[in-house]
Amino acid sequence: MPDVVTAMSQNWAFAVFLLGVCGLIAFMLGLSSLLGSKAWGRSKNDPFESGMLPVGSARLRLSAKFYLVAMLFVIFDVEALYLFAWAVSVRESGWAGLIEATVFIAILLAGLVYLWRIGALDWAPEGRRARQAKLKQ
């Protein structure tokens, strides 16, 4: 019976916490809608950043390589986080953990070699790479 009472008290505390959070959110949104500016005008809809009015279009065409590098960074960063968690518990995980971490690092290395081989890490355009290859010969 004491376990049931403990579980109920923990659940009630969480329910009170959730109600408090929802109440705080409703209060903040309601207060900002009541006290916020209601003025309308043509200049109110213009974006304004760093004290300068925008010039030109906001539609910039970026190379897909920027997105590729960002995705590679996220992937390898998350994997480094897994390795950090393993490093913290290396003594508890023993030889099995070491073998698993070695397999994990080998898979990461194979992925990195694959990306290098297909040219995903090359920033230079094809023309410039061809010229550099010609200069090396």
Protein backbone atom coordinates (compact mmCIF):
# COMPACT_ATOMS: atom_id res chain seq x y z
CA MET A 1 0.00 0.00 0.00
CA PRO A 2 2.78 2.54 0.70
CA ASP A 3 4.05 2.15 -2.90
CA VAL A 4 0.64 3.18 -4.26
CA VAL A 5 0.56 6.25 -2.03
CA THR A 6 4.07 7.25 -3.14
CA ALA A 7 3.22 6.79 -6.81
CA MET A 8 0.03 8.84 -6.44
CA SER A 9 1.86 11.66 -4.68
CA GLN A 10 4.47 11.77 -7.44
CA ASN A 11 1.81 11.83 -10.15
CA TRP A 12 -0.11 14.59 -8.39
CA ALA A 13 3.04 16.68 -8.19
CA PHE A 14 3.58 16.26 -11.91
CA ALA A 15 -0.06 17.17 -12.64
CA VAL A 16 0.26 20.31 -10.52
CA PHE A 17 3.46 21.19 -12.36
CA LEU A 18 1.75 20.78 -15.76
CA LEU A 19 -1.21 22.90 -14.64
CA GLY A 20 1.19 25.58 -13.41
CA VAL A 21 3.05 25.60 -16.73
CA CYS A 22 -0.19 25.81 -18.75
CA GLY A 23 -1.43 28.61 -16.47
CA LEU A 24 1.83 30.53 -16.87
CA ILE A 25 1.69 30.19 -20.67
CA ALA A 26 -1.95 31.36 -20.76
CA PHE A 27 -1.09 34.30 -18.50
CA MET A 28 1.86 35.38 -20.65
CA LEU A 29 -0.06 35.11 -23.92
CA GLY A 30 -3.13 36.88 -22.51
CA LEU A 31 -1.10 39.69 -20.98
CA SER A 32 0.86 40.28 -24.18
CA SER A 33 -2.34 40.41 -26.23
CA LEU A 34 -3.92 42.89 -23.80
CA LEU A 35 -0.90 45.16 -23.39
CA GLY A 36 0.58 44.80 -26.88
CA SER A 37 0.49 47.47 -29.54
CA LYS A 38 -2.63 47.53 -31.71
CA ALA A 39 -1.47 50.15 -34.22
CA TRP A 40 -1.66 49.21 -37.89
CA GLY A 41 0.17 50.79 -40.75
CA ARG A 42 2.11 50.10 -43.89
CA SER A 43 5.46 50.50 -42.17
CA LYS A 44 4.42 48.19 -39.30
CA ASN A 45 4.59 45.17 -41.64
CA ASP A 46 8.10 45.93 -42.90
CA PRO A 47 10.89 43.82 -41.42
CA PHE A 48 13.34 45.89 -39.41
CA GLU A 49 16.57 44.44 -38.13
CA SER A 50 19.71 46.01 -36.71
CA GLY A 51 18.44 49.49 -37.35
CA MET A 52 18.38 49.08 -41.14
CA LEU A 53 15.56 48.69 -43.60
CA PRO A 54 15.90 45.68 -45.89
CA VAL A 55 17.26 46.17 -49.37
CA GLY A 56 16.61 43.65 -52.12
CA SER A 57 15.00 40.27 -51.90
CA ALA A 58 15.28 37.86 -49.00
CA ARG A 59 15.28 34.93 -51.40
CA LEU A 60 18.95 33.99 -51.57
CA ARG A 61 19.98 30.96 -53.56
CA LEU A 62 22.45 28.97 -51.53
CA SER A 63 24.40 25.98 -52.66
CA ALA A 64 23.17 22.60 -51.46
CA LYS A 65 26.67 21.98 -50.09
CA PHE A 66 25.92 24.31 -47.18
CA TYR A 67 23.01 22.11 -46.19
CA LEU A 68 25.06 18.97 -46.72
CA VAL A 69 27.82 20.21 -44.43
CA ALA A 70 25.23 21.22 -41.82
CA MET A 71 23.66 17.76 -41.92
CA LEU A 72 27.07 16.07 -41.71
CA PHE A 73 27.94 18.23 -38.72
CA VAL A 74 24.71 17.32 -36.93
CA ILE A 75 25.14 13.62 -37.65
CA PHE A 76 28.76 13.44 -36.50
CA ASP A 77 28.07 15.71 -33.53
CA VAL A 78 25.30 13.43 -32.26
CA GLU A 79 27.53 10.43 -32.75
CA ALA A 80 30.25 12.15 -30.75
CA LEU A 81 27.70 12.57 -27.99
CA TYR A 82 27.14 8.80 -27.96
CA LEU A 83 30.89 8.28 -27.71
CA PHE A 84 31.06 10.72 -24.82
CA ALA A 85 28.36 8.77 -22.98
CA TRP A 86 30.34 5.58 -23.58
CA ALA A 87 33.55 7.25 -22.34
CA VAL A 88 31.84 8.25 -19.10
CA SER A 89 30.82 4.64 -18.40
CA VAL A 90 33.81 2.84 -19.90
CA ARG A 91 34.69 0.97 -16.71
CA GLU A 92 31.15 -0.30 -16.19
CA SER A 93 30.70 -1.41 -19.79
CA GLY A 94 33.83 -3.59 -19.82
CA TRP A 95 35.12 -5.43 -22.87
CA ALA A 96 31.68 -5.69 -24.46
CA GLY A 97 31.39 -1.89 -24.38
CA LEU A 98 34.85 -1.50 -25.86
CA ILE A 99 34.02 -3.86 -28.74
CA GLU A 100 30.71 -2.09 -29.38
CA ALA A 101 32.40 1.32 -29.36
CA THR A 102 35.08 0.03 -31.75
CA VAL A 103 32.40 -1.23 -34.14
CA PHE A 104 30.58 2.12 -33.83
CA ILE A 105 33.77 4.08 -34.61
CA ALA A 106 34.52 1.77 -37.55
CA ILE A 107 31.05 2.42 -38.99
CA LEU A 108 31.60 6.17 -38.54
CA LEU A 109 34.97 5.94 -40.25
CA ALA A 110 33.49 3.93 -43.12
CA GLY A 111 30.80 6.58 -43.57
CA LEU A 112 33.37 9.35 -43.56
CA VAL A 113 35.54 7.53 -46.13
CA TYR A 114 32.45 6.99 -48.29
CA LEU A 115 31.59 10.70 -48.15
CA TRP A 116 35.18 11.60 -49.00
CA ARG A 117 35.24 9.17 -51.95
CA ILE A 118 32.01 10.47 -53.52
CA GLY A 119 33.24 14.05 -53.20
CA ALA A 120 30.72 15.25 -50.64
CA LEU A 121 33.47 17.02 -48.72
CA ASP A 122 34.92 18.87 -51.75
CA TRP A 123 34.02 22.54 -51.76
CA ALA A 124 35.73 23.48 -54.99
CA PRO A 125 33.70 23.42 -58.21
CA GLU A 126 34.61 20.87 -60.87
CA GLY A 127 36.43 23.43 -63.04
CA ARG A 128 38.74 24.59 -60.30
CA ARG A 129 39.49 20.99 -59.26
CA ALA A 130 40.36 20.12 -62.85
CA ARG A 131 42.75 23.09 -63.05
CA GLN A 132 44.40 22.14 -59.77
CA ALA A 133 44.80 18.55 -60.95
CA LYS A 134 46.38 19.82 -64.17
CA LEU A 135 48.80 22.03 -62.21
CA LYS A 136 49.87 19.11 -60.04
CA GLN A 137 50.86 17.06 -63.09
